[in-house]
Amino acid sequence: MKEKLRGLLSVVCGVEANEIEEDMDLFAESILDSFGVVQLLVLIEEEFGKRILITEIAREDIATLAKLHELVSRA
């Protein structure tokens, strides 16, 4: 699942998947922004069938690939 999430981040953010490190702060590195978060949540629902509402998460919940993976795994 983590590699699929890395791929989705790559598509949404327009960066190579191998550039996304597991513990890299996606916001601090200017890889992910608020519009990207919305796109990412839509793709997560399409790919994994897991609906995550933007109003139910904090920025910290998706700041890194590792945290995003944890969130999607719990959803």
C-alpha atoms as a PDB file:
ATOM      1  CA  MET A   1       0.000   0.000   0.000  1.00  0.00           C
ATOM      2  CA  LYS A   2       2.837   2.402   0.808  1.00  0.00           C
ATOM      3  CA  GLU A   3       4.231   2.180  -2.721  1.00  0.00           C
ATOM      4  CA  LYS A   4       0.799   2.835  -4.207  1.00  0.00           C
ATOM      5  CA  LEU A   5       0.480   5.897  -1.965  1.00  0.00           C
ATOM      6  CA  ARG A   6       3.938   7.044  -3.097  1.00  0.00           C
ATOM      7  CA  GLY A   7       2.706   6.689  -6.681  1.00  0.00           C
ATOM      8  CA  LEU A   8      -0.430   8.696  -5.981  1.00  0.00           C
ATOM      9  CA  LEU A   9       1.647  11.429  -4.361  1.00  0.00           C
ATOM     10  CA  SER A  10       3.880  11.432  -7.409  1.00  0.00           C
ATOM     11  CA  VAL A  11       0.905  11.928  -9.720  1.00  0.00           C
ATOM     12  CA  VAL A  12      -0.703  14.642  -7.595  1.00  0.00           C
ATOM     13  CA  CYS A  13       2.496  16.545  -6.844  1.00  0.00           C
ATOM     14  CA  GLY A  14       4.264  16.151 -10.171  1.00  0.00           C
ATOM     15  CA  VAL A  15       7.470  14.708  -8.733  1.00  0.00           C
ATOM     16  CA  GLU A  16       9.216  11.415  -9.341  1.00  0.00           C
ATOM     17  CA  ALA A  17       8.109   8.695  -6.910  1.00  0.00           C
ATOM     18  CA  ASN A  18      11.713   7.952  -5.940  1.00  0.00           C
ATOM     19  CA  GLU A  19      12.084  11.556  -4.744  1.00  0.00           C
ATOM     20  CA  ILE A  20       9.448  11.022  -2.032  1.00  0.00           C
ATOM     21  CA  GLU A  21      11.149   9.745   1.090  1.00  0.00           C
ATOM     22  CA  GLU A  22       9.116   8.055   3.808  1.00  0.00           C
ATOM     23  CA  ASP A  23       9.726  10.655   6.532  1.00  0.00           C
ATOM     24  CA  MET A  24      10.106  13.749   4.364  1.00  0.00           C
ATOM     25  CA  ASP A  25       7.769  16.603   5.358  1.00  0.00           C
ATOM     26  CA  LEU A  26       5.745  16.959   2.177  1.00  0.00           C
ATOM     27  CA  PHE A  27       4.499  20.439   3.076  1.00  0.00           C
ATOM     28  CA  ALA A  28       7.867  21.839   4.202  1.00  0.00           C
ATOM     29  CA  GLU A  29       9.477  20.530   0.991  1.00  0.00           C
ATOM     30  CA  SER A  30       6.701  22.240  -1.053  1.00  0.00           C
ATOM     31  CA  ILE A  31       5.684  18.921  -2.557  1.00  0.00           C
ATOM     32  CA  LEU A  32       2.116  18.930  -1.256  1.00  0.00           C
ATOM     33  CA  ASP A  33      -0.286  21.852  -0.836  1.00  0.00           C
ATOM     34  CA  SER A  34      -3.933  22.180   0.160  1.00  0.00           C
ATOM     35  CA  PHE A  35      -5.216  21.639  -3.381  1.00  0.00           C
ATOM     36  CA  GLY A  36      -3.011  18.568  -3.674  1.00  0.00           C
ATOM     37  CA  VAL A  37      -4.483  17.200  -0.450  1.00  0.00           C
ATOM     38  CA  VAL A  38      -7.981  17.322  -1.939  1.00  0.00           C
ATOM     39  CA  GLN A  39      -6.789  15.588  -5.113  1.00  0.00           C
ATOM     40  CA  LEU A  40      -4.924  12.997  -3.067  1.00  0.00           C
ATOM     41  CA  LEU A  41      -7.959  12.164  -0.930  1.00  0.00           C
ATOM     42  CA  VAL A  42     -10.071  11.661  -4.055  1.00  0.00           C
ATOM     43  CA  LEU A  43      -7.453   9.305  -5.522  1.00  0.00           C
ATOM     44  CA  ILE A  44      -7.178   7.395  -2.239  1.00  0.00           C
ATOM     45  CA  GLU A  45     -10.928   6.827  -2.265  1.00  0.00           C
ATOM     46  CA  GLU A  46     -10.803   5.657  -5.891  1.00  0.00           C
ATOM     47  CA  GLU A  47      -7.753   3.426  -5.409  1.00  0.00           C
ATOM     48  CA  PHE A  48      -8.457   1.920  -1.983  1.00  0.00           C
ATOM     49  CA  GLY A  49     -12.181   2.504  -1.481  1.00  0.00           C
ATOM     50  CA  LYS A  50     -11.436   4.396   1.731  1.00  0.00           C
ATOM     51  CA  ARG A  51     -13.162   7.716   2.221  1.00  0.00           C
ATOM     52  CA  ILE A  52     -11.203  10.183   4.296  1.00  0.00           C
ATOM     53  CA  LEU A  53     -12.865  13.541   4.819  1.00  0.00           C
ATOM     54  CA  ILE A  54     -10.588  16.547   4.795  1.00  0.00           C
ATOM     55  CA  THR A  55     -12.482  17.954   7.772  1.00  0.00           C
ATOM     56  CA  GLU A  56     -11.556  14.905   9.854  1.00  0.00           C
ATOM     57  CA  ILE A  57      -7.790  15.070   9.449  1.00  0.00           C
ATOM     58  CA  ALA A  58      -5.052  17.453  10.519  1.00  0.00           C
ATOM     59  CA  ARG A  59      -2.158  18.526   8.368  1.00  0.00           C
ATOM     60  CA  GLU A  60       0.160  16.501  10.608  1.00  0.00           C
ATOM     61  CA  ASP A  61      -1.806  13.337   9.741  1.00  0.00           C
ATOM     62  CA  ILE A  62      -0.604  13.510   6.134  1.00  0.00           C
ATOM     63  CA  ALA A  63       2.664  15.443   6.428  1.00  0.00           C
ATOM     64  CA  THR A  64       4.810  12.429   5.518  1.00  0.00           C
ATOM     65  CA  LEU A  65       4.355   9.294   3.462  1.00  0.00           C
ATOM     66  CA  ALA A  66       4.679   7.225   6.652  1.00  0.00           C
ATOM     67  CA  LYS A  67       1.893   9.186   8.389  1.00  0.00           C
ATOM     68  CA  LEU A  68      -0.295   9.054   5.289  1.00  0.00           C
ATOM     69  CA  HIS A  69       0.164   5.291   5.144  1.00  0.00           C
ATOM     70  CA  GLU A  70      -0.805   5.008   8.809  1.00  0.00           C
ATOM     71  CA  LEU A  71      -3.929   7.115   8.252  1.00  0.00           C
ATOM     72  CA  VAL A  72      -5.093   5.142   5.210  1.00  0.00           C
ATOM     73  CA  SER A  73      -4.397   1.842   6.968  1.00  0.00           C
ATOM     74  CA  ARG A  74      -6.682   2.876   9.849  1.00  0.00           C
ATOM     75  CA  ALA A  75      -9.473   4.209   7.606  1.00  0.00           C
END
